[in-house]
C-alpha atoms as a PDB file:
ATOM      1  CA  MET A   1     -42.776  48.508 -11.621  1.00  0.00           C
ATOM      2  CA  ILE A   2     -40.812  45.618 -10.095  1.00  0.00           C
ATOM      3  CA  ASP A   3     -37.592  44.767 -11.909  1.00  0.00           C
ATOM      4  CA  ASP A   4     -37.345  41.012 -11.380  1.00  0.00           C
ATOM      5  CA  GLY A   5     -34.632  40.424 -13.967  1.00  0.00           C
ATOM      6  CA  TYR A   6     -36.986  38.678 -16.396  1.00  0.00           C
ATOM      7  CA  PRO A   7     -38.188  40.074 -19.721  1.00  0.00           C
ATOM      8  CA  VAL A   8     -41.663  41.593 -19.545  1.00  0.00           C
ATOM      9  CA  ALA A   9     -43.965  40.150 -22.190  1.00  0.00           C
ATOM     10  CA  ASP A  10     -45.260  42.807 -24.551  1.00  0.00           C
ATOM     11  CA  ARG A  11     -49.001  43.120 -25.113  1.00  0.00           C
ATOM     12  CA  SER A  12     -48.414  42.728 -28.866  1.00  0.00           C
ATOM     13  CA  LEU A  13     -47.441  39.084 -28.292  1.00  0.00           C
ATOM     14  CA  ALA A  14     -51.069  38.190 -27.642  1.00  0.00           C
ATOM     15  CA  GLY A  15     -52.055  35.357 -29.963  1.00  0.00           C
ATOM     16  CA  ALA A  16     -48.508  34.980 -31.293  1.00  0.00           C
ATOM     17  CA  VAL A  17     -46.786  32.866 -28.649  1.00  0.00           C
ATOM     18  CA  LYS A  18     -43.829  30.934 -30.061  1.00  0.00           C
ATOM     19  CA  THR A  19     -43.077  28.278 -27.472  1.00  0.00           C
ATOM     20  CA  PRO A  20     -44.108  24.613 -27.344  1.00  0.00           C
ATOM     21  CA  TRP A  21     -45.152  25.168 -23.728  1.00  0.00           C
ATOM     22  CA  LEU A  22     -47.979  27.548 -24.597  1.00  0.00           C
ATOM     23  CA  ARG A  23     -50.850  27.699 -27.036  1.00  0.00           C
ATOM     24  CA  GLY A  24     -51.902  31.316 -27.369  1.00  0.00           C
ATOM     25  CA  TRP A  25     -55.379  32.345 -28.434  1.00  0.00           C
ATOM     26  CA  GLY A  26     -55.168  35.973 -27.461  1.00  0.00           C
ATOM     27  CA  THR A  27     -56.426  39.117 -29.131  1.00  0.00           C
ATOM     28  CA  GLN A  28     -54.820  42.485 -29.707  1.00  0.00           C
ATOM     29  CA  ASP A  29     -57.490  43.944 -27.400  1.00  0.00           C
ATOM     30  CA  ALA A  30     -56.553  41.665 -24.480  1.00  0.00           C
ATOM     31  CA  GLU A  31     -56.211  43.428 -21.126  1.00  0.00           C
ATOM     32  CA  VAL A  32     -55.664  40.351 -18.931  1.00  0.00           C
ATOM     33  CA  SER A  33     -54.034  36.971 -19.603  1.00  0.00           C
ATOM     34  CA  LEU A  34     -55.786  33.764 -18.544  1.00  0.00           C
ATOM     35  CA  VAL A  35     -53.229  30.944 -18.275  1.00  0.00           C
ATOM     36  CA  CYS A  36     -54.824  27.480 -18.092  1.00  0.00           C
ATOM     37  CA  LEU A  37     -53.129  24.280 -16.957  1.00  0.00           C
ATOM     38  CA  PRO A  38     -54.589  20.869 -17.900  1.00  0.00           C
ATOM     39  CA  HIS A  39     -55.587  17.798 -15.951  1.00  0.00           C
ATOM     40  CA  ALA A  40     -53.548  14.573 -15.914  1.00  0.00           C
ATOM     41  CA  GLY A  41     -52.727  13.160 -19.331  1.00  0.00           C
ATOM     42  CA  ALA A  42     -54.107  16.170 -21.215  1.00  0.00           C
ATOM     43  CA  GLY A  43     -52.560  19.052 -23.125  1.00  0.00           C
ATOM     44  CA  GLY A  44     -53.434  22.669 -23.743  1.00  0.00           C
ATOM     45  CA  SER A  45     -55.852  21.962 -26.584  1.00  0.00           C
ATOM     46  CA  ILE A  46     -58.600  21.068 -24.083  1.00  0.00           C
ATOM     47  CA  TYR A  47     -59.046  24.805 -23.497  1.00  0.00           C
ATOM     48  CA  HIS A  48     -59.322  25.766 -27.176  1.00  0.00           C
ATOM     49  CA  ARG A  49     -63.128  25.710 -27.072  1.00  0.00           C
ATOM     50  CA  TRP A  50     -63.069  28.435 -24.414  1.00  0.00           C
ATOM     51  CA  ARG A  51     -61.770  31.086 -26.819  1.00  0.00           C
ATOM     52  CA  PRO A  52     -65.104  31.878 -28.561  1.00  0.00           C
ATOM     53  CA  GLN A  53     -66.807  32.057 -25.167  1.00  0.00           C
ATOM     54  CA  LEU A  54     -64.430  34.633 -23.694  1.00  0.00           C
ATOM     55  CA  PRO A  55     -64.484  38.381 -24.360  1.00  0.00           C
ATOM     56  CA  ALA A  56     -61.731  40.014 -26.390  1.00  0.00           C
ATOM     57  CA  ARG A  57     -60.271  41.614 -23.255  1.00  0.00           C
ATOM     58  CA  ILE A  58     -59.115  38.149 -22.100  1.00  0.00           C
ATOM     59  CA  GLY A  59     -56.053  36.625 -23.741  1.00  0.00           C
ATOM     60  CA  LEU A  60     -56.175  32.828 -23.427  1.00  0.00           C
ATOM     61  CA  TYR A  61     -52.942  30.840 -22.990  1.00  0.00           C
ATOM     62  CA  ALA A  62     -52.977  27.079 -22.400  1.00  0.00           C
ATOM     63  CA  VAL A  63     -50.047  25.041 -21.131  1.00  0.00           C
ATOM     64  CA  THR A  64     -48.878  21.787 -22.751  1.00  0.00           C
ATOM     65  CA  LEU A  65     -46.279  19.770 -20.850  1.00  0.00           C
ATOM     66  CA  PRO A  66     -43.624  17.616 -22.561  1.00  0.00           C
ATOM     67  CA  GLY A  67     -44.976  14.218 -23.601  1.00  0.00           C
ATOM     68  CA  ARG A  68     -48.461  15.467 -24.511  1.00  0.00           C
ATOM     69  CA  GLU A  69     -50.107  16.287 -27.840  1.00  0.00           C
ATOM     70  CA  ASP A  70     -47.591  17.754 -30.297  1.00  0.00           C
ATOM     71  CA  ARG A  71     -44.866  17.289 -27.655  1.00  0.00           C
ATOM     72  CA  PHE A  72     -45.557  13.550 -27.449  1.00  0.00           C
ATOM     73  CA  GLY A  73     -41.992  12.508 -28.236  1.00  0.00           C
ATOM     74  CA  GLU A  74     -40.388  14.678 -25.551  1.00  0.00           C
ATOM     75  CA  PRO A  75     -39.280  13.199 -22.202  1.00  0.00           C
ATOM     76  CA  LEU A  76     -41.786  13.431 -19.362  1.00  0.00           C
ATOM     77  CA  LEU A  77     -40.753  15.656 -16.456  1.00  0.00           C
ATOM     78  CA  PRO A  78     -40.354  13.768 -13.165  1.00  0.00           C
ATOM     79  CA  THR A  79     -41.212  16.370 -10.510  1.00  0.00           C
ATOM     80  CA  MET A  80     -43.365  19.412  -9.912  1.00  0.00           C
ATOM     81  CA  LYS A  81     -40.205  21.451  -9.387  1.00  0.00           C
ATOM     82  CA  SER A  82     -38.876  20.457 -12.815  1.00  0.00           C
ATOM     83  CA  VAL A  83     -42.179  21.523 -14.381  1.00  0.00           C
ATOM     84  CA  VAL A  84     -42.147  24.896 -12.615  1.00  0.00           C
ATOM     85  CA  ASP A  85     -38.444  25.468 -13.358  1.00  0.00           C
ATOM     86  CA  GLN A  86     -39.093  25.181 -17.088  1.00  0.00           C
ATOM     87  CA  LEU A  87     -42.583  26.636 -17.343  1.00  0.00           C
ATOM     88  CA  VAL A  88     -42.237  29.860 -15.353  1.00  0.00           C
ATOM     89  CA  PRO A  89     -39.511  31.417 -17.571  1.00  0.00           C
ATOM     90  CA  GLN A  90     -41.756  30.719 -20.587  1.00  0.00           C
ATOM     91  CA  LEU A  91     -44.646  32.515 -18.922  1.00  0.00           C
ATOM     92  CA  LEU A  92     -42.491  35.475 -17.933  1.00  0.00           C
ATOM     93  CA  ALA A  93     -41.181  35.891 -21.462  1.00  0.00           C
ATOM     94  CA  SER A  94     -44.369  35.235 -23.429  1.00  0.00           C
ATOM     95  CA  VAL A  95     -47.495  36.096 -21.443  1.00  0.00           C
ATOM     96  CA  PRO A  96     -48.561  39.730 -20.909  1.00  0.00           C
ATOM     97  CA  ARG A  97     -49.519  40.823 -17.406  1.00  0.00           C
ATOM     98  CA  PRO A  98     -51.752  40.928 -15.412  1.00  0.00           C
ATOM     99  CA  VAL A  99     -52.110  37.143 -15.200  1.00  0.00           C
ATOM    100  CA  VAL A 100     -54.921  34.940 -13.903  1.00  0.00           C
ATOM    101  CA  LEU A 101     -54.116  31.240 -13.440  1.00  0.00           C
ATOM    102  CA  PHE A 102     -56.627  28.413 -13.869  1.00  0.00           C
ATOM    103  CA  GLY A 103     -55.826  24.741 -13.333  1.00  0.00           C
ATOM    104  CA  HIS A 104     -58.019  21.661 -13.214  1.00  0.00           C
ATOM    105  CA  SER A 105     -57.139  18.573 -11.139  1.00  0.00           C
ATOM    106  CA  LEU A 106     -53.343  18.152 -11.443  1.00  0.00           C
ATOM    107  CA  GLY A 107     -53.385  21.506 -13.235  1.00  0.00           C
ATOM    108  CA  GLY A 108     -54.688  23.148 -10.063  1.00  0.00           C
ATOM    109  CA  MET A 109     -51.712  21.925  -8.064  1.00  0.00           C
ATOM    110  CA  MET A 110     -49.376  23.072 -10.843  1.00  0.00           C
ATOM    111  CA  ALA A 111     -51.104  26.462 -10.965  1.00  0.00           C
ATOM    112  CA  HIS A 112     -50.528  26.985  -7.238  1.00  0.00           C
ATOM    113  CA  ALA A 113     -46.855  26.009  -7.575  1.00  0.00           C
ATOM    114  CA  VAL A 114     -46.487  28.391 -10.532  1.00  0.00           C
ATOM    115  CA  ALA A 115     -48.177  31.217  -8.613  1.00  0.00           C
ATOM    116  CA  ARG A 116     -45.796  30.645  -5.700  1.00  0.00           C
ATOM    117  CA  ARG A 117     -42.761  30.834  -7.999  1.00  0.00           C
ATOM    118  CA  LEU A 118     -44.034  33.949  -9.788  1.00  0.00           C
ATOM    119  CA  GLU A 119     -44.532  35.702  -6.463  1.00  0.00           C
ATOM    120  CA  ASP A 120     -41.077  34.568  -5.356  1.00  0.00           C
ATOM    121  CA  VAL A 121     -39.532  36.496  -8.276  1.00  0.00           C
ATOM    122  CA  GLY A 122     -41.671  39.572  -7.625  1.00  0.00           C
ATOM    123  CA  VAL A 123     -44.446  39.025 -10.163  1.00  0.00           C
ATOM    124  CA  ALA A 124     -47.942  39.438  -8.756  1.00  0.00           C
ATOM    125  CA  VAL A 125     -50.675  36.992  -9.775  1.00  0.00           C
ATOM    126  CA  ALA A 126     -54.058  38.683 -10.118  1.00  0.00           C
ATOM    127  CA  HIS A 127     -56.074  35.573  -9.205  1.00  0.00           C
ATOM    128  CA  LEU A 128     -55.622  31.812  -8.872  1.00  0.00           C
ATOM    129  CA  MET A 129     -58.416  29.332  -9.673  1.00  0.00           C
ATOM    130  CA  VAL A 130     -57.875  25.740  -8.531  1.00  0.00           C
ATOM    131  CA  SER A 131     -60.460  23.347  -9.935  1.00  0.00           C
ATOM    132  CA  GLY A 132     -61.302  19.779  -9.015  1.00  0.00           C
ATOM    133  CA  CYS A 133     -58.266  19.230  -6.820  1.00  0.00           C
ATOM    134  CA  ARG A 134     -57.095  19.138  -3.236  1.00  0.00           C
ATOM    135  CA  PRO A 135     -53.800  20.684  -2.084  1.00  0.00           C
ATOM    136  CA  VAL A 136     -52.375  17.305  -1.030  1.00  0.00           C
ATOM    137  CA  SER A 137     -52.845  14.019  -2.882  1.00  0.00           C
ATOM    138  CA  ALA A 138     -54.849  11.649  -0.686  1.00  0.00           C
ATOM    139  CA  ARG A 139     -54.155   8.380  -2.483  1.00  0.00           C
ATOM    140  CA  ARG A 140     -50.974   6.835  -3.847  1.00  0.00           C
ATOM    141  CA  MET A 141     -51.435   4.802  -7.006  1.00  0.00           C
ATOM    142  CA  ALA A 142     -48.648   5.737  -9.440  1.00  0.00           C
ATOM    143  CA  HIS A 143     -46.706   2.629  -8.409  1.00  0.00           C
ATOM    144  CA  LEU A 144     -49.529   0.184  -9.295  1.00  0.00           C
ATOM    145  CA  ARG A 145     -49.323  -2.223 -12.208  1.00  0.00           C
ATOM    146  CA  ASP A 146     -51.223  -1.118 -15.317  1.00  0.00           C
ATOM    147  CA  PRO A 147     -54.514  -3.004 -14.679  1.00  0.00           C
ATOM    148  CA  GLU A 148     -54.722  -1.866 -11.050  1.00  0.00           C
ATOM    149  CA  PHE A 149     -53.638   1.655 -11.965  1.00  0.00           C
ATOM    150  CA  ILE A 150     -56.332   1.941 -14.646  1.00  0.00           C
ATOM    151  CA  ALA A 151     -58.977   0.513 -12.306  1.00  0.00           C
ATOM    152  CA  ALA A 152     -58.016   2.926  -9.528  1.00  0.00           C
ATOM    153  CA  LEU A 153     -58.247   5.938 -11.820  1.00  0.00           C
ATOM    154  CA  ASP A 154     -61.542   4.707 -13.269  1.00  0.00           C
ATOM    155  CA  ASP A 155     -62.997   4.271  -9.778  1.00  0.00           C
ATOM    156  CA  LEU A 156     -62.165   7.886  -9.046  1.00  0.00           C
ATOM    157  CA  GLY A 157     -63.619   9.095 -12.319  1.00  0.00           C
ATOM    158  CA  GLY A 158     -60.135  10.127 -13.414  1.00  0.00           C
ATOM    159  CA  ILE A 159     -60.203   8.668 -16.936  1.00  0.00           C
ATOM    160  CA  PRO A 160     -62.619   9.827 -19.654  1.00  0.00           C
ATOM    161  CA  GLN A 161     -64.872   6.997 -20.767  1.00  0.00           C
ATOM    162  CA  GLU A 162     -63.685   7.489 -24.350  1.00  0.00           C
ATOM    163  CA  LEU A 163     -60.286   6.156 -23.263  1.00  0.00           C
ATOM    164  CA  ILE A 164     -61.691   3.333 -21.139  1.00  0.00           C
ATOM    165  CA  GLN A 165     -63.587   2.110 -24.195  1.00  0.00           C
ATOM    166  CA  ALA A 166     -60.465   2.232 -26.398  1.00  0.00           C
ATOM    167  CA  PRO A 167     -57.814   0.054 -24.685  1.00  0.00           C
ATOM    168  CA  GLU A 168     -55.201   0.468 -27.416  1.00  0.00           C
ATOM    169  CA  LEU A 169     -55.496   4.231 -27.261  1.00  0.00           C
ATOM    170  CA  LEU A 170     -55.410   4.132 -23.465  1.00  0.00           C
ATOM    171  CA  ARG A 171     -52.097   2.251 -23.537  1.00  0.00           C
ATOM    172  CA  ILE A 172     -50.606   5.078 -25.594  1.00  0.00           C
ATOM    173  CA  PHE A 173     -51.651   7.676 -23.019  1.00  0.00           C
ATOM    174  CA  LEU A 174     -50.847   5.549 -19.975  1.00  0.00           C
ATOM    175  CA  PRO A 175     -47.214   6.713 -19.479  1.00  0.00           C
ATOM    176  CA  ALA A 176     -48.278  10.372 -19.393  1.00  0.00           C
ATOM    177  CA  LEU A 177     -51.191   9.580 -17.078  1.00  0.00           C
ATOM    178  CA  ARG A 178     -48.914   7.710 -14.692  1.00  0.00           C
ATOM    179  CA  ALA A 179     -46.303  10.496 -14.794  1.00  0.00           C
ATOM    180  CA  ASP A 180     -48.956  13.091 -14.024  1.00  0.00           C
ATOM    181  CA  VAL A 181     -50.359  11.094 -11.112  1.00  0.00           C
ATOM    182  CA  ARG A 182     -46.818  10.807  -9.772  1.00  0.00           C
ATOM    183  CA  LEU A 183     -46.403  14.589 -10.097  1.00  0.00           C
ATOM    184  CA  ALA A 184     -49.516  15.088  -7.975  1.00  0.00           C
ATOM    185  CA  GLU A 185     -48.486  12.488  -5.390  1.00  0.00           C
ATOM    186  CA  GLU A 186     -45.006  13.896  -4.952  1.00  0.00           C
ATOM    187  CA  ALA A 187     -45.924  17.572  -5.073  1.00  0.00           C
ATOM    188  CA  ARG A 188     -45.151  19.428  -1.871  1.00  0.00           C
ATOM    189  CA  LEU A 189     -47.394  22.466  -1.663  1.00  0.00           C
ATOM    190  CA  ASP A 190     -46.262  24.021   1.590  1.00  0.00           C
ATOM    191  CA  PRO A 191     -49.033  25.601   3.713  1.00  0.00           C
ATOM    192  CA  ASP A 192     -46.278  27.506   5.508  1.00  0.00           C
ATOM    193  CA  ARG A 193     -45.516  29.265   2.203  1.00  0.00           C
ATOM    194  CA  PRO A 194     -48.963  30.332   0.982  1.00  0.00           C
ATOM    195  CA  VAL A 195     -49.497  32.510  -2.059  1.00  0.00           C
ATOM    196  CA  ARG A 196     -50.585  36.109  -1.557  1.00  0.00           C
ATOM    197  CA  CYS A 197     -53.067  36.277  -4.414  1.00  0.00           C
ATOM    198  CA  PRO A 198     -56.823  35.651  -4.110  1.00  0.00           C
ATOM    199  CA  VAL A 199     -57.787  31.999  -4.576  1.00  0.00           C
ATOM    200  CA  THR A 200     -61.066  30.546  -5.811  1.00  0.00           C
ATOM    201  CA  ALA A 201     -61.531  26.780  -5.462  1.00  0.00           C
ATOM    202  CA  LEU A 202     -63.999  25.077  -7.828  1.00  0.00           C
ATOM    203  CA  GLY A 203     -65.507  21.671  -7.121  1.00  0.00           C
ATOM    204  CA  GLY A 204     -68.060  19.209  -8.468  1.00  0.00           C
ATOM    205  CA  THR A 205     -70.975  18.237  -6.224  1.00  0.00           C
ATOM    206  CA  ALA A 206     -70.503  14.556  -7.142  1.00  0.00           C
ATOM    207  CA  ASP A 207     -66.719  14.464  -7.500  1.00  0.00           C
ATOM    208  CA  PRO A 208     -65.477  11.308  -5.733  1.00  0.00           C
ATOM    209  CA  GLN A 209     -61.903  12.610  -5.760  1.00  0.00           C
ATOM    210  CA  VAL A 210     -62.433  15.951  -4.023  1.00  0.00           C
ATOM    211  CA  PRO A 211     -65.045  16.164  -1.253  1.00  0.00           C
ATOM    212  CA  TRP A 212     -66.157  19.655  -0.252  1.00  0.00           C
ATOM    213  CA  ASP A 213     -64.162  19.636   2.990  1.00  0.00           C
ATOM    214  CA  ASP A 214     -60.973  18.889   1.048  1.00  0.00           C
ATOM    215  CA  LEU A 215     -61.728  21.706  -1.384  1.00  0.00           C
ATOM    216  CA  LEU A 216     -61.994  24.089   1.570  1.00  0.00           C
ATOM    217  CA  ARG A 217     -58.445  23.166   2.632  1.00  0.00           C
ATOM    218  CA  TRP A 218     -57.178  25.550  -0.057  1.00  0.00           C
ATOM    219  CA  ARG A 219     -58.092  28.344   2.366  1.00  0.00           C
ATOM    220  CA  GLY A 220     -54.856  27.579   4.215  1.00  0.00           C
ATOM    221  CA  TYR A 221     -52.721  28.006   1.100  1.00  0.00           C
ATOM    222  CA  THR A 222     -53.283  31.725   0.550  1.00  0.00           C
ATOM    223  CA  THR A 223     -53.071  34.865   2.647  1.00  0.00           C
ATOM    224  CA  GLY A 224     -55.378  36.559   0.164  1.00  0.00           C
ATOM    225  CA  GLU A 225     -59.138  36.320  -0.214  1.00  0.00           C
ATOM    226  CA  PHE A 226     -60.589  32.827  -0.560  1.00  0.00           C
ATOM    227  CA  ARG A 227     -63.860  31.353  -1.672  1.00  0.00           C
ATOM    228  CA  ALA A 228     -65.098  27.978  -2.844  1.00  0.00           C
ATOM    229  CA  VAL A 229     -67.760  27.413  -5.490  1.00  0.00           C
ATOM    230  CA  SER A 230     -69.544  24.158  -6.323  1.00  0.00           C
ATOM    231  CA  PHE A 231     -70.933  23.042  -9.677  1.00  0.00           C
ATOM    232  CA  ASP A 232     -73.221  20.174 -10.593  1.00  0.00           C
ATOM    233  CA  GLY A 233     -71.168  17.240 -11.844  1.00  0.00           C
ATOM    234  CA  ASP A 234     -68.397  14.778 -11.105  1.00  0.00           C
ATOM    235  CA  HIS A 235     -64.638  15.206 -11.477  1.00  0.00           C
ATOM    236  CA  PHE A 236     -65.075  16.479 -15.038  1.00  0.00           C
ATOM    237  CA  PHE A 237     -67.644  19.132 -14.145  1.00  0.00           C
ATOM    238  CA  VAL A 238     -65.493  21.671 -16.012  1.00  0.00           C
ATOM    239  CA  GLY A 239     -66.833  20.100 -19.200  1.00  0.00           C
ATOM    240  CA  THR A 240     -70.378  19.214 -18.192  1.00  0.00           C
ATOM    241  CA  ALA A 241     -70.958  22.534 -16.400  1.00  0.00           C
ATOM    242  CA  GLU A 242     -68.780  24.522 -18.804  1.00  0.00           C
ATOM    243  CA  GLU A 243     -71.223  27.412 -19.218  1.00  0.00           C
ATOM    244  CA  ASP A 244     -71.389  28.015 -15.459  1.00  0.00           C
ATOM    245  CA  VAL A 245     -67.632  27.589 -15.011  1.00  0.00           C
ATOM    246  CA  LEU A 246     -66.910  30.107 -17.758  1.00  0.00           C
ATOM    247  CA  ALA A 247     -69.387  32.552 -16.242  1.00  0.00           C
ATOM    248  CA  LEU A 248     -67.291  32.452 -13.059  1.00  0.00           C
ATOM    249  CA  VAL A 249     -64.045  32.799 -15.062  1.00  0.00           C
ATOM    250  CA  ARG A 250     -65.435  35.856 -16.847  1.00  0.00           C
ATOM    251  CA  ALA A 251     -66.642  37.403 -13.584  1.00  0.00           C
ATOM    252  CA  ILE A 252     -63.212  36.965 -11.967  1.00  0.00           C
ATOM    253  CA  THR A 253     -61.248  38.313 -14.939  1.00  0.00           C
ATOM    254  CA  ASP A 254     -63.671  41.235 -15.298  1.00  0.00           C
ATOM    255  CA  GLY A 255     -62.482  42.365 -11.872  1.00  0.00           C
ATOM    256  CA  VAL A 256     -58.823  42.400 -12.932  1.00  0.00           C
ATOM    257  CA  THR A 257     -57.238  45.615 -14.147  1.00  0.00           C
ATOM    258  CA  GLY A 258     -53.704  46.207 -15.374  1.00  0.00           C
END
């Protein structure tokens, strides 16, 4: 066992995480931890519906950044590094190993950065799933005024229609959305420092944000095995094709042993 200087999370912590960063829906029978990171503007609760659809051997842990959901009043973090600096110690202390990471859109970029940091401190990641994202942001829009910013995100399919149809609610979420877009734009995922773990890239067949060729670019960000899988749907295919996505998640975690 590698002694990396961090506390090793005990299996008995499954389902009993006590940190605002993580929502834990584990079981005492969990053999592998699935850590999920959300898309821009969202919090960990978006993954709650996955729990009944996952076997007991998978402990589910979802990340909520400051400024979202029950952390709404906390200051937003300005950089990917500041997110990783604060999140990784929480994962090391609270999430049992082995760990599989899943991130959608911005969450995919965060998941890769987290995997890189975990490997830097000697903690192996069993598998990394990056969903609906490219390794480098292709468009800069965080600086736009609110109307242009909203229009740009809507054009890309980056805002749920429920928010578009509720302008007052959208204004409440706008600061977090803008901060998350800025995180993605300023993230520096270095292809010269790839992760070692296997990577699976998930994409929507009609996603205007992430064409297939851009999804394949993740191949250059790992020295481990790589594959890309497409699902019917747009940028939010994780919801519309949820059954198929979860079938892939289960298949990947089934191959992980402690």
